N, C-alpha and C. Protein backbone atom coordinates (compact mmCIF):
# COMPACT_ATOMS: atom_id res chain seq x y z
N MET A 1 -239.48 57.52 203.26
CA MET A 1 -239.94 57.44 201.88
C MET A 1 -239.61 56.05 201.34
N GLU A 2 -240.62 55.43 200.75
CA GLU A 2 -240.42 54.11 200.17
C GLU A 2 -239.79 54.26 198.79
N THR A 3 -238.73 53.50 198.55
CA THR A 3 -238.03 53.62 197.28
C THR A 3 -238.77 52.85 196.19
N LEU A 4 -238.48 53.21 194.96
CA LEU A 4 -239.10 52.56 193.81
C LEU A 4 -238.81 51.07 193.80
N SER A 5 -237.59 50.70 194.16
CA SER A 5 -237.26 49.27 194.16
C SER A 5 -238.07 48.49 195.19
N LYS A 6 -238.35 49.10 196.34
CA LYS A 6 -239.17 48.41 197.36
C LYS A 6 -240.61 48.27 196.88
N ILE A 7 -241.12 49.29 196.25
CA ILE A 7 -242.48 49.22 195.71
C ILE A 7 -242.56 48.13 194.65
N ASN A 8 -241.60 48.14 193.73
CA ASN A 8 -241.60 47.13 192.66
C ASN A 8 -241.29 45.74 193.19
N LYS A 9 -240.48 45.64 194.24
CA LYS A 9 -240.16 44.33 194.82
C LYS A 9 -241.44 43.67 195.33
N LYS A 10 -242.31 44.44 195.95
CA LYS A 10 -243.57 43.90 196.44
C LYS A 10 -244.42 43.37 195.28
N LYS A 11 -244.47 44.12 194.19
CA LYS A 11 -245.22 43.67 193.01
C LYS A 11 -244.61 42.39 192.46
N ARG A 12 -243.28 42.36 192.37
CA ARG A 12 -242.60 41.21 191.79
C ARG A 12 -242.78 39.96 192.64
N GLU A 13 -242.78 40.10 193.96
CA GLU A 13 -242.99 38.94 194.83
C GLU A 13 -244.35 38.30 194.55
N LYS A 14 -245.36 39.14 194.31
CA LYS A 14 -246.70 38.63 194.02
C LYS A 14 -246.75 37.89 192.69
N ARG A 15 -245.99 38.33 191.71
CA ARG A 15 -246.06 37.70 190.39
C ARG A 15 -244.93 36.70 190.13
N LYS A 16 -244.05 36.49 191.09
CA LYS A 16 -242.90 35.61 190.89
C LYS A 16 -243.31 34.19 190.51
N LYS A 17 -244.28 33.62 191.20
CA LYS A 17 -244.70 32.25 190.89
C LYS A 17 -245.36 32.17 189.52
N LYS A 18 -246.07 33.20 189.16
CA LYS A 18 -246.77 33.20 187.88
C LYS A 18 -245.82 33.37 186.70
N THR A 19 -244.82 34.24 186.83
CA THR A 19 -243.96 34.59 185.69
C THR A 19 -242.54 34.04 185.79
N ALA A 20 -242.16 33.49 186.94
CA ALA A 20 -240.79 33.00 187.18
C ALA A 20 -239.76 34.11 187.03
N GLU A 21 -240.15 35.33 187.33
CA GLU A 21 -239.27 36.49 187.20
C GLU A 21 -238.31 36.54 188.39
N VAL A 22 -237.03 36.42 188.10
CA VAL A 22 -235.97 36.51 189.11
C VAL A 22 -234.86 37.35 188.52
N PHE A 23 -234.35 38.31 189.29
CA PHE A 23 -233.30 39.20 188.80
C PHE A 23 -231.92 38.66 189.14
N THR A 24 -230.99 38.89 188.24
CA THR A 24 -229.61 38.45 188.43
C THR A 24 -228.97 39.30 189.53
N PRO A 25 -228.42 38.66 190.55
CA PRO A 25 -227.78 39.43 191.63
C PRO A 25 -226.56 40.21 191.11
N ASN A 26 -226.28 41.32 191.75
CA ASN A 26 -225.15 42.17 191.34
C ASN A 26 -223.83 41.43 191.35
N SER A 27 -223.64 40.56 192.34
CA SER A 27 -222.38 39.83 192.40
C SER A 27 -222.19 38.96 191.16
N LEU A 28 -223.25 38.32 190.69
CA LEU A 28 -223.15 37.48 189.49
C LEU A 28 -223.01 38.34 188.23
N VAL A 29 -223.72 39.46 188.18
CA VAL A 29 -223.58 40.38 187.05
C VAL A 29 -222.11 40.79 186.92
N ASN A 30 -221.52 41.22 188.01
CA ASN A 30 -220.13 41.69 187.97
C ASN A 30 -219.14 40.56 187.68
N GLU A 31 -219.42 39.38 188.19
CA GLU A 31 -218.55 38.24 187.88
C GLU A 31 -218.58 37.96 186.38
N MET A 32 -219.75 38.02 185.78
CA MET A 32 -219.87 37.78 184.34
C MET A 32 -219.19 38.89 183.54
N LEU A 33 -219.41 40.14 183.93
CA LEU A 33 -218.80 41.26 183.20
C LEU A 33 -217.28 41.25 183.33
N ASP A 34 -216.77 40.79 184.48
CA ASP A 34 -215.31 40.70 184.67
C ASP A 34 -214.67 39.73 183.69
N LYS A 35 -215.42 38.78 183.19
CA LYS A 35 -214.88 37.76 182.28
C LYS A 35 -214.84 38.21 180.83
N LEU A 36 -215.44 39.36 180.52
CA LEU A 36 -215.44 39.85 179.15
C LEU A 36 -214.06 40.39 178.79
N PRO A 37 -213.63 40.21 177.55
CA PRO A 37 -212.33 40.75 177.14
C PRO A 37 -212.35 42.28 177.14
N GLU A 38 -211.21 42.87 177.34
CA GLU A 38 -211.09 44.33 177.46
C GLU A 38 -211.63 45.07 176.23
N GLU A 39 -211.50 44.50 175.05
CA GLU A 39 -211.92 45.20 173.84
C GLU A 39 -213.44 45.43 173.76
N VAL A 40 -214.22 44.68 174.54
CA VAL A 40 -215.66 44.93 174.49
C VAL A 40 -216.04 46.26 175.14
N TRP A 41 -215.10 46.85 175.88
CA TRP A 41 -215.37 48.12 176.55
C TRP A 41 -214.92 49.32 175.72
N GLU A 42 -214.50 49.09 174.50
CA GLU A 42 -214.07 50.19 173.64
C GLU A 42 -215.24 51.11 173.33
N GLU A 43 -214.92 52.36 173.09
CA GLU A 43 -215.93 53.35 172.79
C GLU A 43 -216.75 52.93 171.57
N GLY A 44 -218.05 53.12 171.66
CA GLY A 44 -218.94 52.81 170.54
C GLY A 44 -219.49 51.40 170.54
N LYS A 45 -218.92 50.49 171.34
CA LYS A 45 -219.45 49.13 171.42
C LYS A 45 -220.81 49.18 172.10
N THR A 46 -221.77 48.46 171.54
CA THR A 46 -223.13 48.49 172.07
C THR A 46 -223.43 47.23 172.86
N TYR A 47 -224.42 47.35 173.74
CA TYR A 47 -224.83 46.26 174.61
C TYR A 47 -226.35 46.17 174.58
N LEU A 48 -226.87 44.95 174.43
CA LEU A 48 -228.30 44.71 174.41
C LEU A 48 -228.63 43.63 175.42
N ASP A 49 -229.59 43.93 176.28
CA ASP A 49 -230.13 42.93 177.20
C ASP A 49 -231.56 42.67 176.76
N PRO A 50 -231.85 41.49 176.17
CA PRO A 50 -233.18 41.22 175.63
C PRO A 50 -234.24 40.89 176.68
N ALA A 51 -233.84 40.83 177.93
CA ALA A 51 -234.77 40.64 179.04
C ALA A 51 -234.21 41.43 180.21
N CYS A 52 -234.18 42.75 180.07
CA CYS A 52 -233.40 43.61 180.97
C CYS A 52 -233.97 43.76 182.36
N GLY A 53 -235.24 43.43 182.57
CA GLY A 53 -235.81 43.60 183.91
C GLY A 53 -235.62 45.04 184.38
N ASN A 54 -235.14 45.20 185.60
CA ASN A 54 -234.94 46.55 186.13
C ASN A 54 -233.54 47.10 185.82
N GLY A 55 -232.80 46.39 184.98
CA GLY A 55 -231.54 46.93 184.48
C GLY A 55 -230.28 46.57 185.22
N ASN A 56 -230.28 45.47 185.99
CA ASN A 56 -229.07 45.12 186.74
C ASN A 56 -227.84 45.02 185.86
N PHE A 57 -227.94 44.39 184.70
CA PHE A 57 -226.78 44.32 183.80
C PHE A 57 -226.48 45.70 183.22
N LEU A 58 -227.50 46.40 182.79
CA LEU A 58 -227.30 47.65 182.07
C LEU A 58 -226.69 48.74 182.94
N ILE A 59 -227.09 48.80 184.23
CA ILE A 59 -226.49 49.85 185.07
C ILE A 59 -225.01 49.59 185.28
N TRP A 60 -224.63 48.31 185.41
CA TRP A 60 -223.21 48.00 185.60
C TRP A 60 -222.42 48.21 184.32
N ILE A 61 -223.02 47.91 183.19
CA ILE A 61 -222.33 48.18 181.92
C ILE A 61 -222.11 49.68 181.77
N LEU A 62 -223.14 50.47 182.04
CA LEU A 62 -223.01 51.92 181.95
C LEU A 62 -221.95 52.43 182.93
N ALA A 63 -221.98 51.95 184.15
CA ALA A 63 -221.00 52.39 185.16
C ALA A 63 -219.58 52.03 184.73
N ARG A 64 -219.39 50.85 184.20
CA ARG A 64 -218.05 50.44 183.76
C ARG A 64 -217.57 51.28 182.59
N LYS A 65 -218.46 51.55 181.66
CA LYS A 65 -218.06 52.37 180.50
C LYS A 65 -217.62 53.76 180.97
N ILE A 66 -218.38 54.35 181.88
CA ILE A 66 -218.03 55.68 182.39
C ILE A 66 -216.70 55.61 183.15
N SER A 67 -216.51 54.54 183.94
CA SER A 67 -215.26 54.40 184.69
C SER A 67 -214.06 54.24 183.78
N LYS A 68 -214.28 53.81 182.55
CA LYS A 68 -213.20 53.64 181.58
C LYS A 68 -213.00 54.89 180.72
N GLY A 69 -213.66 55.99 181.09
CA GLY A 69 -213.41 57.26 180.44
C GLY A 69 -214.41 57.68 179.37
N HIS A 70 -215.43 56.89 179.14
CA HIS A 70 -216.45 57.27 178.16
C HIS A 70 -217.30 58.40 178.75
N SER A 71 -217.73 59.32 177.91
CA SER A 71 -218.62 60.37 178.42
C SER A 71 -219.94 59.71 178.80
N PRO A 72 -220.58 60.19 179.87
CA PRO A 72 -221.83 59.58 180.30
C PRO A 72 -222.89 59.52 179.19
N LYS A 73 -223.06 60.60 178.46
CA LYS A 73 -224.09 60.61 177.42
C LYS A 73 -223.76 59.63 176.29
N GLU A 74 -222.51 59.59 175.88
CA GLU A 74 -222.11 58.66 174.81
C GLU A 74 -222.21 57.21 175.28
N ALA A 75 -221.87 56.96 176.53
CA ALA A 75 -222.00 55.61 177.07
C ALA A 75 -223.47 55.19 177.11
N LEU A 76 -224.34 56.11 177.50
CA LEU A 76 -225.77 55.82 177.56
C LEU A 76 -226.31 55.46 176.17
N LYS A 77 -225.80 56.09 175.15
CA LYS A 77 -226.25 55.82 173.78
C LYS A 77 -225.95 54.40 173.34
N THR A 78 -225.05 53.70 174.03
CA THR A 78 -224.64 52.36 173.61
C THR A 78 -225.32 51.25 174.39
N VAL A 79 -226.24 51.60 175.28
CA VAL A 79 -226.91 50.63 176.15
C VAL A 79 -228.35 50.46 175.69
N TYR A 80 -228.74 49.20 175.43
CA TYR A 80 -230.08 48.89 174.95
C TYR A 80 -230.70 47.79 175.80
N GLY A 81 -232.00 47.88 176.00
CA GLY A 81 -232.68 46.84 176.75
C GLY A 81 -234.15 46.79 176.40
N ILE A 82 -234.72 45.61 176.54
CA ILE A 82 -236.16 45.43 176.34
C ILE A 82 -236.68 44.49 177.42
N ASP A 83 -237.96 44.64 177.73
CA ASP A 83 -238.60 43.77 178.72
C ASP A 83 -240.10 43.79 178.48
N ILE A 84 -240.76 42.76 178.97
CA ILE A 84 -242.21 42.66 178.78
C ILE A 84 -243.00 43.25 179.95
N LYS A 85 -242.32 43.66 181.00
CA LYS A 85 -242.99 44.26 182.16
C LYS A 85 -242.75 45.76 182.18
N GLN A 86 -243.82 46.52 182.11
CA GLN A 86 -243.72 47.97 182.01
C GLN A 86 -243.07 48.58 183.26
N ASP A 87 -243.39 48.07 184.45
CA ASP A 87 -242.79 48.63 185.66
C ASP A 87 -241.28 48.39 185.70
N ASN A 88 -240.83 47.24 185.15
CA ASN A 88 -239.39 46.99 185.07
C ASN A 88 -238.70 48.00 184.16
N ILE A 89 -239.32 48.28 183.03
CA ILE A 89 -238.74 49.24 182.09
C ILE A 89 -238.65 50.62 182.72
N ARG A 90 -239.68 51.03 183.40
CA ARG A 90 -239.65 52.35 184.07
C ARG A 90 -238.51 52.41 185.08
N GLU A 91 -238.38 51.35 185.89
CA GLU A 91 -237.32 51.33 186.88
C GLU A 91 -235.94 51.29 186.22
N CYS A 92 -235.80 50.51 185.16
CA CYS A 92 -234.52 50.44 184.44
C CYS A 92 -234.13 51.81 183.90
N ARG A 93 -235.07 52.49 183.28
CA ARG A 93 -234.80 53.83 182.73
C ARG A 93 -234.35 54.78 183.83
N LEU A 94 -235.06 54.76 184.95
CA LEU A 94 -234.72 55.66 186.04
C LEU A 94 -233.35 55.32 186.65
N ARG A 95 -233.05 54.04 186.76
CA ARG A 95 -231.75 53.65 187.31
C ARG A 95 -230.61 54.11 186.41
N LEU A 96 -230.79 53.98 185.10
CA LEU A 96 -229.77 54.46 184.17
C LEU A 96 -229.61 55.97 184.30
N LEU A 97 -230.72 56.68 184.39
CA LEU A 97 -230.65 58.14 184.55
C LEU A 97 -229.99 58.52 185.88
N LYS A 98 -230.25 57.72 186.91
CA LYS A 98 -229.62 58.03 188.20
C LYS A 98 -228.09 57.92 188.09
N ILE A 99 -227.60 56.92 187.38
CA ILE A 99 -226.15 56.82 187.19
C ILE A 99 -225.64 58.05 186.44
N ILE A 100 -226.34 58.43 185.38
CA ILE A 100 -225.93 59.63 184.63
C ILE A 100 -225.91 60.84 185.56
N SER A 101 -226.91 60.95 186.43
CA SER A 101 -227.01 62.11 187.32
C SER A 101 -225.85 62.21 188.30
N LEU A 102 -225.13 61.12 188.51
CA LEU A 102 -223.95 61.16 189.38
C LEU A 102 -222.79 61.89 188.71
N PHE A 103 -222.87 62.07 187.39
CA PHE A 103 -221.77 62.66 186.63
C PHE A 103 -222.13 63.97 185.94
N GLU A 104 -223.39 64.14 185.59
CA GLU A 104 -223.82 65.37 184.92
C GLU A 104 -225.31 65.56 185.13
N ASP A 105 -225.76 66.78 184.92
CA ASP A 105 -227.18 67.07 185.06
C ASP A 105 -227.98 66.35 183.97
N ILE A 106 -229.13 65.85 184.37
CA ILE A 106 -230.01 65.18 183.40
C ILE A 106 -230.60 66.24 182.47
N GLU A 107 -230.50 65.96 181.19
CA GLU A 107 -231.06 66.83 180.15
C GLU A 107 -232.11 66.05 179.39
N LYS A 108 -232.90 66.76 178.63
CA LYS A 108 -233.93 66.10 177.83
C LYS A 108 -233.32 65.13 176.82
N GLU A 109 -232.11 65.41 176.38
CA GLU A 109 -231.43 64.50 175.46
C GLU A 109 -231.21 63.12 176.10
N HIS A 110 -230.88 63.08 177.40
CA HIS A 110 -230.73 61.81 178.10
C HIS A 110 -232.04 61.03 178.07
N ILE A 111 -233.13 61.75 178.29
CA ILE A 111 -234.45 61.11 178.31
C ILE A 111 -234.80 60.57 176.93
N LYS A 112 -234.50 61.31 175.89
CA LYS A 112 -234.75 60.82 174.53
C LYS A 112 -233.96 59.54 174.28
N ILE A 113 -232.75 59.49 174.78
CA ILE A 113 -231.92 58.29 174.59
C ILE A 113 -232.55 57.09 175.29
N ILE A 114 -232.93 57.24 176.56
CA ILE A 114 -233.49 56.07 177.26
C ILE A 114 -234.86 55.67 176.71
N LEU A 115 -235.64 56.65 176.24
CA LEU A 115 -236.94 56.30 175.65
C LEU A 115 -236.76 55.56 174.32
N THR A 116 -235.66 55.81 173.65
CA THR A 116 -235.36 55.12 172.39
C THR A 116 -234.71 53.76 172.65
N ASN A 117 -233.78 53.70 173.60
CA ASN A 117 -232.96 52.51 173.78
C ASN A 117 -233.51 51.49 174.76
N ILE A 118 -234.40 51.89 175.64
CA ILE A 118 -234.95 50.97 176.65
C ILE A 118 -236.45 50.86 176.37
N LYS A 119 -236.86 49.69 175.87
CA LYS A 119 -238.22 49.53 175.35
C LYS A 119 -239.04 48.54 176.15
N TRP A 120 -240.30 48.91 176.32
CA TRP A 120 -241.30 48.00 176.85
C TRP A 120 -241.96 47.30 175.67
N LEU A 121 -241.97 45.99 175.69
CA LEU A 121 -242.61 45.22 174.63
C LEU A 121 -244.00 44.82 175.09
N ASN A 122 -244.96 45.63 174.72
CA ASN A 122 -246.36 45.39 175.04
C ASN A 122 -246.76 44.01 174.50
N SER A 123 -247.26 43.17 175.36
CA SER A 123 -247.57 41.79 174.96
C SER A 123 -248.67 41.71 173.91
N LYS A 124 -249.50 42.73 173.78
CA LYS A 124 -250.52 42.71 172.73
C LYS A 124 -249.88 42.93 171.36
N LYS A 125 -248.89 43.79 171.31
CA LYS A 125 -248.21 44.06 170.04
C LYS A 125 -247.10 43.05 169.77
N TRP A 126 -246.44 42.59 170.85
CA TRP A 126 -245.31 41.67 170.73
C TRP A 126 -245.57 40.44 171.62
N PRO A 127 -246.47 39.55 171.21
CA PRO A 127 -246.84 38.43 172.09
C PRO A 127 -245.69 37.49 172.45
N ASN A 128 -244.66 37.42 171.65
CA ASN A 128 -243.50 36.58 171.95
C ASN A 128 -242.32 37.39 172.48
N GLY A 129 -242.60 38.59 172.94
CA GLY A 129 -241.56 39.43 173.54
C GLY A 129 -240.42 39.72 172.59
N SER A 130 -239.20 39.58 173.08
CA SER A 130 -238.02 39.93 172.29
C SER A 130 -237.81 39.01 171.09
N LEU A 131 -238.47 37.86 171.07
CA LEU A 131 -238.35 36.96 169.92
C LEU A 131 -238.94 37.58 168.65
N ASP A 132 -239.93 38.46 168.82
CA ASP A 132 -240.58 39.10 167.67
C ASP A 132 -240.07 40.50 167.37
N TYR A 133 -239.43 41.13 168.34
CA TYR A 133 -239.01 42.52 168.17
C TYR A 133 -237.90 42.61 167.12
N ASP A 134 -237.94 43.62 166.27
CA ASP A 134 -236.96 43.73 165.18
C ASP A 134 -235.63 44.34 165.61
N MET A 135 -235.49 44.74 166.84
CA MET A 135 -234.25 45.27 167.41
C MET A 135 -233.73 46.52 166.69
N SER A 136 -234.62 47.25 166.07
CA SER A 136 -234.18 48.47 165.39
C SER A 136 -234.11 49.67 166.33
N PHE A 137 -234.83 49.63 167.44
CA PHE A 137 -234.81 50.69 168.44
C PHE A 137 -235.01 52.07 167.80
N LYS A 138 -236.06 52.19 167.03
CA LYS A 138 -236.39 53.47 166.40
C LYS A 138 -236.97 54.41 167.45
N ALA A 139 -236.63 55.67 167.33
CA ALA A 139 -237.19 56.68 168.22
C ALA A 139 -238.68 56.81 167.94
N ASN A 140 -239.49 56.64 168.97
CA ASN A 140 -240.93 56.77 168.79
C ASN A 140 -241.56 57.48 169.99
N PHE A 141 -240.94 58.54 170.42
CA PHE A 141 -241.45 59.32 171.53
C PHE A 141 -241.95 60.66 170.99
N ASN A 142 -242.78 61.31 171.78
CA ASN A 142 -243.19 62.66 171.40
C ASN A 142 -242.62 63.64 172.43
N GLN A 143 -242.52 64.88 172.03
CA GLN A 143 -241.89 65.88 172.89
C GLN A 143 -242.66 66.06 174.19
N ALA A 144 -243.99 65.95 174.14
CA ALA A 144 -244.78 66.08 175.36
C ALA A 144 -244.42 64.98 176.36
N GLY A 145 -244.20 63.77 175.84
CA GLY A 145 -243.78 62.67 176.71
C GLY A 145 -242.41 62.90 177.31
N VAL A 146 -241.50 63.42 176.51
CA VAL A 146 -240.16 63.74 177.01
C VAL A 146 -240.27 64.81 178.10
N ASP A 147 -241.08 65.82 177.86
CA ASP A 147 -241.25 66.90 178.83
C ASP A 147 -241.84 66.38 180.15
N ARG A 148 -242.84 65.50 180.05
CA ARG A 148 -243.44 64.93 181.28
C ARG A 148 -242.40 64.12 182.06
N TYR A 149 -241.63 63.31 181.36
CA TYR A 149 -240.60 62.51 182.00
C TYR A 149 -239.57 63.42 182.68
N TYR A 150 -239.17 64.45 181.96
CA TYR A 150 -238.19 65.41 182.49
C TYR A 150 -238.74 66.09 183.75
N ASP A 151 -240.01 66.46 183.72
CA ASP A 151 -240.64 67.11 184.88
C ASP A 151 -240.63 66.19 186.10
N THR A 152 -240.87 64.88 185.90
CA THR A 152 -240.83 63.97 187.05
C THR A 152 -239.42 63.86 187.62
N ILE A 153 -238.43 63.95 186.75
CA ILE A 153 -237.03 63.92 187.22
C ILE A 153 -236.74 65.17 188.04
N LEU A 154 -237.16 66.33 187.52
CA LEU A 154 -236.95 67.58 188.25
C LEU A 154 -237.70 67.60 189.58
N ALA A 155 -238.82 66.87 189.65
CA ALA A 155 -239.62 66.81 190.87
C ALA A 155 -239.04 65.83 191.90
N GLY A 156 -237.92 65.20 191.59
CA GLY A 156 -237.25 64.36 192.58
C GLY A 156 -237.44 62.86 192.42
N GLU A 157 -237.94 62.42 191.29
CA GLU A 157 -238.19 60.99 191.09
C GLU A 157 -236.93 60.15 191.27
N LEU A 158 -235.77 60.66 190.91
CA LEU A 158 -234.54 59.88 191.03
C LEU A 158 -234.16 59.61 192.49
N SER A 159 -234.67 60.42 193.41
CA SER A 159 -234.36 60.18 194.83
C SER A 159 -235.01 58.89 195.33
N LYS A 160 -235.98 58.36 194.60
CA LYS A 160 -236.65 57.12 194.99
C LYS A 160 -235.97 55.88 194.41
N VAL A 161 -234.93 56.09 193.61
CA VAL A 161 -234.30 54.99 192.89
C VAL A 161 -233.09 54.48 193.66
N ASP A 162 -233.00 53.15 193.79
CA ASP A 162 -231.87 52.52 194.47
C ASP A 162 -230.82 52.08 193.45
N LEU A 163 -229.57 52.28 193.80
CA LEU A 163 -228.44 51.77 193.02
C LEU A 163 -227.50 51.06 193.96
N PRO A 164 -227.15 49.88 193.70
CA PRO A 164 -227.93 48.88 192.98
C PRO A 164 -229.03 48.34 193.85
N VAL A 165 -229.79 47.39 193.37
CA VAL A 165 -230.92 46.83 194.10
C VAL A 165 -230.57 45.44 194.60
N GLU A 166 -230.96 45.13 195.83
CA GLU A 166 -230.97 43.77 196.37
C GLU A 166 -229.66 43.21 196.89
N ASP A 167 -228.51 43.62 196.45
CA ASP A 167 -227.29 42.86 196.69
C ASP A 167 -226.18 43.81 197.14
N ASN A 168 -225.50 43.48 198.22
CA ASN A 168 -224.43 44.35 198.72
C ASN A 168 -223.05 44.00 198.19
N ASP A 169 -222.92 42.97 197.41
CA ASP A 169 -221.60 42.52 196.96
C ASP A 169 -221.14 43.36 195.77
N ILE A 170 -220.60 44.54 196.06
CA ILE A 170 -220.20 45.49 195.03
C ILE A 170 -218.68 45.56 194.99
N PRO A 171 -218.08 45.40 193.81
CA PRO A 171 -216.63 45.51 193.73
C PRO A 171 -216.15 46.88 194.22
N GLU A 172 -215.09 46.89 195.00
CA GLU A 172 -214.56 48.13 195.57
C GLU A 172 -214.25 49.16 194.50
N LYS A 173 -213.78 48.72 193.35
CA LYS A 173 -213.39 49.67 192.31
C LYS A 173 -214.57 50.47 191.77
N TYR A 174 -215.81 50.06 192.07
CA TYR A 174 -216.97 50.78 191.57
C TYR A 174 -217.71 51.53 192.67
N GLU A 175 -217.27 51.39 193.92
CA GLU A 175 -217.94 52.09 195.01
C GLU A 175 -217.94 53.60 194.78
N ASP A 176 -216.84 54.14 194.28
CA ASP A 176 -216.76 55.58 194.09
C ASP A 176 -217.67 56.05 192.96
N ILE A 177 -218.00 55.18 192.01
CA ILE A 177 -218.93 55.57 190.94
C ILE A 177 -220.28 55.90 191.54
N PHE A 178 -220.72 55.08 192.47
CA PHE A 178 -222.04 55.28 193.06
C PHE A 178 -222.00 56.26 194.23
N GLY A 179 -220.83 56.67 194.65
CA GLY A 179 -220.71 57.71 195.66
C GLY A 179 -221.02 57.27 197.08
N ILE A 180 -221.06 55.99 197.34
CA ILE A 180 -221.30 55.51 198.69
C ILE A 180 -220.37 54.35 198.98
N GLN A 181 -220.11 54.12 200.24
CA GLN A 181 -219.18 53.08 200.63
C GLN A 181 -219.86 51.72 200.83
N GLU A 182 -221.10 51.73 201.27
CA GLU A 182 -221.79 50.47 201.51
C GLU A 182 -223.23 50.63 201.08
N PHE A 183 -223.76 49.63 200.44
CA PHE A 183 -225.13 49.70 199.97
C PHE A 183 -226.06 49.14 201.03
N PRO A 184 -227.17 49.83 201.33
CA PRO A 184 -228.09 49.32 202.33
C PRO A 184 -228.82 48.08 201.80
N ASP A 185 -229.24 47.22 202.73
CA ASP A 185 -230.04 46.09 202.32
C ASP A 185 -231.36 46.61 201.75
N ALA A 186 -231.89 45.89 200.79
CA ALA A 186 -233.13 46.33 200.13
C ALA A 186 -234.30 46.36 201.11
N ASP A 187 -234.22 45.58 202.20
CA ASP A 187 -235.33 45.53 203.14
C ASP A 187 -235.25 46.58 204.24
N GLU A 188 -234.13 47.29 204.32
CA GLU A 188 -234.00 48.33 205.34
C GLU A 188 -234.68 49.60 204.92
N ASP A 189 -235.16 50.38 205.88
CA ASP A 189 -235.77 51.68 205.58
C ASP A 189 -234.75 52.77 205.52
C-alpha cells in the first residue's frame, strides 16, 4: 500500500521548481523546538505555523505537548496552521489525527478541531496567502463534512499516514510517543 506521504511526495517533486516548496526536516524542527524556553510548553499556550505544509512542526509540537502531560484533545486545540496547498493541509490534518490516535480514539470533536485550526487558504479568496488571512480561525465546517471526514478515518485512512515523513533523525525521548523504534526511509515500501 502506497502511503499518503509517498503519493504527495511525487506531487511535490513535480511542483518543487515552480513553487520552491521544501519541507523542514525533522532533525531541524526538533533542534529549533529544543531551543524554546520551557514556559512555552505550558498548558493553553498556542502555536501557529503560517506555512504549515504537511505539518512537520505541528506534529512535533503536538507530540511534545502530550509528552509533557497535556491531554491529547486539549493539546490539539492549541495547534494552528495554514497553507496554500490543499493536499498539504489534508496531509497535515491526518498526521495530527494520527498522533491523537496513538493516545485515544478519534472522535468527531477531534475532526471539528482540525477543520477549525488547520486551514487551506484558497488562492482565489486569499491571493497573498497568510499575509491576508485574519488569523481568527473561525469554525466554518458543516456536520456532513465532519461525518464524511470521520467515515474516511473509520475506513482506515490513518493507516496511509506516515509519522514522521522523510527524516529518520528522531530524538530518542520521542520514539515511544510514535510507538516505533526506527522510522523507515520515505522511499522504502
